[in-house]
Amino acid sequence: MKPPAGDETPEPAFRKVAGELREQIENQTYPPGERVPSSRELQERYGIANMTARNALKVLAAEELIHNEPGKGWFVTHHDAAWYARKTMDDAQAGGAPEKMTSAEFTALNARITELEERIDRVLGSIESFFKAVNAPRQ
């Protein structure tokens, strides 16, 4: 049945749970490498079905925020600054909001960008030297 005009369809429970966990990951309640609650723990905490809890975890896994270690549980994935840069650009191209970064992640991203700029400068310098050598008058 279609909701009446002006009424919004309520957000599915698994998306709400995934959103809360996403916020907790972003604000470092669950830092990289930390185990996040299992589907059973989420089921008890939120009073939801086990399938709903599992779907919430699958959403975060699809976003590459968590990964499963069989027999151990779900863990927050370690990402380097390049991943955050790619994710931010992908979000921007898709018209979404940029990924929220912590201060430490922002600092790491800036350091990585600086490192890449230096590498590009070195490569361009090598290319320039090569062309100067190739085009130099022969004696």
C-alpha atoms as a PDB file:
ATOM      1  CA  MET A   1       0.000   0.000   0.000  1.00  0.00           C
ATOM      2  CA  LYS A   2       1.320   3.419  -0.949  1.00  0.00           C
ATOM      3  CA  PRO A   3       1.587   6.012   1.857  1.00  0.00           C
ATOM      4  CA  PRO A   4      -0.597   9.108   1.553  1.00  0.00           C
ATOM      5  CA  ALA A   5       0.980  12.090  -0.207  1.00  0.00           C
ATOM      6  CA  GLY A   6       3.181  14.122   2.111  1.00  0.00           C
ATOM      7  CA  ASP A   7       3.853  11.194   4.446  1.00  0.00           C
ATOM      8  CA  GLU A   8       7.327   9.770   4.351  1.00  0.00           C
ATOM      9  CA  THR A   9       7.996   6.070   4.426  1.00  0.00           C
ATOM     10  CA  PRO A  10       9.794   5.252   7.681  1.00  0.00           C
ATOM     11  CA  GLU A  11      13.442   4.323   7.370  1.00  0.00           C
ATOM     12  CA  PRO A  12      13.988   0.554   7.610  1.00  0.00           C
ATOM     13  CA  ALA A  13      15.364  -0.612  10.966  1.00  0.00           C
ATOM     14  CA  PHE A  14      18.529  -2.074   9.429  1.00  0.00           C
ATOM     15  CA  ARG A  15      19.394   1.326   7.910  1.00  0.00           C
ATOM     16  CA  LYS A  16      18.857   3.077  11.244  1.00  0.00           C
ATOM     17  CA  VAL A  17      21.128   0.591  13.010  1.00  0.00           C
ATOM     18  CA  ALA A  18      23.729   0.845  10.221  1.00  0.00           C
ATOM     19  CA  GLY A  19      23.569   4.652  10.470  1.00  0.00           C
ATOM     20  CA  GLU A  20      24.173   4.605  14.216  1.00  0.00           C
ATOM     21  CA  LEU A  21      27.101   2.192  13.846  1.00  0.00           C
ATOM     22  CA  ARG A  22      28.506   4.321  10.982  1.00  0.00           C
ATOM     23  CA  GLU A  23      28.439   7.378  13.262  1.00  0.00           C
ATOM     24  CA  GLN A  24      30.169   5.426  16.027  1.00  0.00           C
ATOM     25  CA  ILE A  25      32.864   4.307  13.583  1.00  0.00           C
ATOM     26  CA  GLU A  26      33.322   7.848  12.263  1.00  0.00           C
ATOM     27  CA  ASN A  27      33.601   9.366  15.747  1.00  0.00           C
ATOM     28  CA  GLN A  28      36.058   6.652  16.787  1.00  0.00           C
ATOM     29  CA  THR A  29      33.792   4.943  19.342  1.00  0.00           C
ATOM     30  CA  TYR A  30      34.904   1.926  17.331  1.00  0.00           C
ATOM     31  CA  PRO A  31      38.376   2.807  15.993  1.00  0.00           C
ATOM     32  CA  PRO A  32      40.081   0.851  13.178  1.00  0.00           C
ATOM     33  CA  GLY A  33      40.739  -2.736  14.217  1.00  0.00           C
ATOM     34  CA  GLU A  34      38.084  -2.643  16.942  1.00  0.00           C
ATOM     35  CA  ARG A  35      35.404  -5.336  17.019  1.00  0.00           C
ATOM     36  CA  VAL A  36      31.874  -4.016  16.468  1.00  0.00           C
ATOM     37  CA  PRO A  37      28.836  -5.652  18.075  1.00  0.00           C
ATOM     38  CA  SER A  38      27.761  -8.983  16.598  1.00  0.00           C
ATOM     39  CA  SER A  39      24.340  -9.473  15.031  1.00  0.00           C
ATOM     40  CA  ARG A  40      23.215 -11.121  18.268  1.00  0.00           C
ATOM     41  CA  GLU A  41      24.447  -8.156  20.335  1.00  0.00           C
ATOM     42  CA  LEU A  42      22.700  -5.729  17.974  1.00  0.00           C
ATOM     43  CA  GLN A  43      19.553  -7.829  18.153  1.00  0.00           C
ATOM     44  CA  GLU A  44      19.534  -7.545  21.942  1.00  0.00           C
ATOM     45  CA  ARG A  45      20.574  -3.887  22.040  1.00  0.00           C
ATOM     46  CA  TYR A  46      17.995  -2.628  19.533  1.00  0.00           C
ATOM     47  CA  GLY A  47      15.251  -5.226  19.978  1.00  0.00           C
ATOM     48  CA  ILE A  48      15.419  -6.200  16.306  1.00  0.00           C
ATOM     49  CA  ALA A  49      15.388  -9.482  14.422  1.00  0.00           C
ATOM     50  CA  ASN A  50      18.693 -11.240  13.789  1.00  0.00           C
ATOM     51  CA  MET A  51      18.232 -10.818  10.008  1.00  0.00           C
ATOM     52  CA  THR A  52      17.766  -7.056  10.492  1.00  0.00           C
ATOM     53  CA  ALA A  53      20.997  -6.900  12.499  1.00  0.00           C
ATOM     54  CA  ARG A  54      22.842  -8.953   9.881  1.00  0.00           C
ATOM     55  CA  ASN A  55      21.583  -6.640   7.126  1.00  0.00           C
ATOM     56  CA  ALA A  56      22.882  -3.609   9.049  1.00  0.00           C
ATOM     57  CA  LEU A  57      26.329  -5.219   9.240  1.00  0.00           C
ATOM     58  CA  LYS A  58      26.188  -6.095   5.523  1.00  0.00           C
ATOM     59  CA  VAL A  59      25.458  -2.447   4.660  1.00  0.00           C
ATOM     60  CA  LEU A  60      28.597  -1.330   6.516  1.00  0.00           C
ATOM     61  CA  ALA A  61      30.632  -4.127   4.925  1.00  0.00           C
ATOM     62  CA  ALA A  62      29.438  -3.011   1.469  1.00  0.00           C
ATOM     63  CA  GLU A  63      30.640   0.506   2.364  1.00  0.00           C
ATOM     64  CA  GLU A  64      34.030  -1.025   3.279  1.00  0.00           C
ATOM     65  CA  LEU A  65      33.752   0.308   6.836  1.00  0.00           C
ATOM     66  CA  ILE A  66      33.832  -3.137   8.464  1.00  0.00           C
ATOM     67  CA  HIS A  67      34.961  -6.619   7.502  1.00  0.00           C
ATOM     68  CA  ASN A  68      34.246 -10.081   8.846  1.00  0.00           C
ATOM     69  CA  GLU A  69      36.884 -12.337  10.315  1.00  0.00           C
ATOM     70  CA  PRO A  70      35.226 -15.771  10.390  1.00  0.00           C
ATOM     71  CA  GLY A  71      34.981 -17.139  13.890  1.00  0.00           C
ATOM     72  CA  LYS A  72      36.033 -13.818  15.408  1.00  0.00           C
ATOM     73  CA  GLY A  73      33.426 -11.255  14.390  1.00  0.00           C
ATOM     74  CA  TRP A  74      33.083  -7.949  12.555  1.00  0.00           C
ATOM     75  CA  PHE A  75      35.903  -5.405  12.786  1.00  0.00           C
ATOM     76  CA  VAL A  76      36.385  -1.796  11.708  1.00  0.00           C
ATOM     77  CA  THR A  77      38.543  -1.779   8.597  1.00  0.00           C
ATOM     78  CA  HIS A  78      41.880   0.070   8.584  1.00  0.00           C
ATOM     79  CA  HIS A  79      42.013   2.567   5.715  1.00  0.00           C
ATOM     80  CA  ASP A  80      44.871   4.704   4.525  1.00  0.00           C
ATOM     81  CA  ALA A  81      44.543   8.312   3.470  1.00  0.00           C
ATOM     82  CA  ALA A  82      44.362   7.335  -0.206  1.00  0.00           C
ATOM     83  CA  TRP A  83      41.187   5.318   0.493  1.00  0.00           C
ATOM     84  CA  TYR A  84      39.587   8.338   2.167  1.00  0.00           C
ATOM     85  CA  ALA A  85      40.602  10.533  -0.767  1.00  0.00           C
ATOM     86  CA  ARG A  86      39.094   8.071  -3.262  1.00  0.00           C
ATOM     87  CA  LYS A  87      35.921   7.711  -1.169  1.00  0.00           C
ATOM     88  CA  THR A  88      35.549  11.489  -0.880  1.00  0.00           C
ATOM     89  CA  MET A  89      35.970  11.933  -4.634  1.00  0.00           C
ATOM     90  CA  ASP A  90      33.548   9.079  -5.375  1.00  0.00           C
ATOM     91  CA  ASP A  91      30.969  10.616  -3.020  1.00  0.00           C
ATOM     92  CA  ALA A  92      31.423  14.039  -4.604  1.00  0.00           C
ATOM     93  CA  GLN A  93      31.038  12.627  -8.122  1.00  0.00           C
ATOM     94  CA  ALA A  94      27.902  10.780  -7.028  1.00  0.00           C
ATOM     95  CA  GLY A  95      26.511  14.022  -5.620  1.00  0.00           C
ATOM     96  CA  GLY A  96      26.704  12.795  -2.039  1.00  0.00           C
ATOM     97  CA  ALA A  97      28.182  14.474   0.980  1.00  0.00           C
ATOM     98  CA  PRO A  98      31.935  14.062   1.398  1.00  0.00           C
ATOM     99  CA  GLU A  99      33.149  11.471   3.844  1.00  0.00           C
ATOM    100  CA  LYS A 100      33.535  12.846   7.354  1.00  0.00           C
ATOM    101  CA  MET A 101      37.114  12.553   8.513  1.00  0.00           C
ATOM    102  CA  THR A 102      38.632  12.798  11.923  1.00  0.00           C
ATOM    103  CA  SER A 103      41.428  15.274  12.519  1.00  0.00           C
ATOM    104  CA  ALA A 104      43.978  12.440  12.424  1.00  0.00           C
ATOM    105  CA  GLU A 105      42.591  11.138   9.120  1.00  0.00           C
ATOM    106  CA  PHE A 106      42.621  14.640   7.646  1.00  0.00           C
ATOM    107  CA  THR A 107      46.253  15.093   8.725  1.00  0.00           C
ATOM    108  CA  ALA A 108      47.151  11.705   7.236  1.00  0.00           C
ATOM    109  CA  LEU A 109      45.392  12.613   3.987  1.00  0.00           C
ATOM    110  CA  ASN A 110      47.272  15.914   3.754  1.00  0.00           C
ATOM    111  CA  ALA A 111      50.562  14.114   4.400  1.00  0.00           C
ATOM    112  CA  ARG A 112      49.760  11.570   1.697  1.00  0.00           C
ATOM    113  CA  ILE A 113      48.831  14.315  -0.784  1.00  0.00           C
ATOM    114  CA  THR A 114      52.112  16.111  -0.047  1.00  0.00           C
ATOM    115  CA  GLU A 115      54.029  12.856  -0.531  1.00  0.00           C
ATOM    116  CA  LEU A 116      52.305  12.226  -3.861  1.00  0.00           C
ATOM    117  CA  GLU A 117      52.955  15.790  -5.035  1.00  0.00           C
ATOM    118  CA  GLU A 118      56.663  15.364  -4.229  1.00  0.00           C
ATOM    119  CA  ARG A 119      56.765  12.081  -6.143  1.00  0.00           C
ATOM    120  CA  ILE A 120      55.068  13.715  -9.139  1.00  0.00           C
ATOM    121  CA  ASP A 121      57.589  16.578  -9.035  1.00  0.00           C
ATOM    122  CA  ARG A 122      60.480  14.067  -9.015  1.00  0.00           C
ATOM    123  CA  VAL A 123      59.020  12.135 -11.963  1.00  0.00           C
ATOM    124  CA  LEU A 124      58.383  15.333 -13.925  1.00  0.00           C
ATOM    125  CA  GLY A 125      61.937  16.461 -13.155  1.00  0.00           C
ATOM    126  CA  SER A 126      63.279  13.145 -14.460  1.00  0.00           C
ATOM    127  CA  ILE A 127      61.188  13.417 -17.616  1.00  0.00           C
ATOM    128  CA  GLU A 128      62.363  16.982 -18.176  1.00  0.00           C
ATOM    129  CA  SER A 129      66.009  15.915 -17.727  1.00  0.00           C
ATOM    130  CA  PHE A 130      65.496  13.040 -20.155  1.00  0.00           C
ATOM    131  CA  PHE A 131      64.106  15.310 -22.855  1.00  0.00           C
ATOM    132  CA  LYS A 132      66.870  17.855 -22.330  1.00  0.00           C
ATOM    133  CA  ALA A 133      69.450  15.089 -22.734  1.00  0.00           C
ATOM    134  CA  VAL A 134      67.769  13.656 -25.843  1.00  0.00           C
ATOM    135  CA  ASN A 135      67.372  17.066 -27.470  1.00  0.00           C
ATOM    136  CA  ALA A 136      70.801  18.392 -26.529  1.00  0.00           C
ATOM    137  CA  PRO A 137      73.071  19.236 -29.480  1.00  0.00           C
ATOM    138  CA  ARG A 138      75.560  16.482 -30.182  1.00  0.00           C
ATOM    139  CA  GLN A 139      79.214  17.309 -30.284  1.00  0.00           C
END
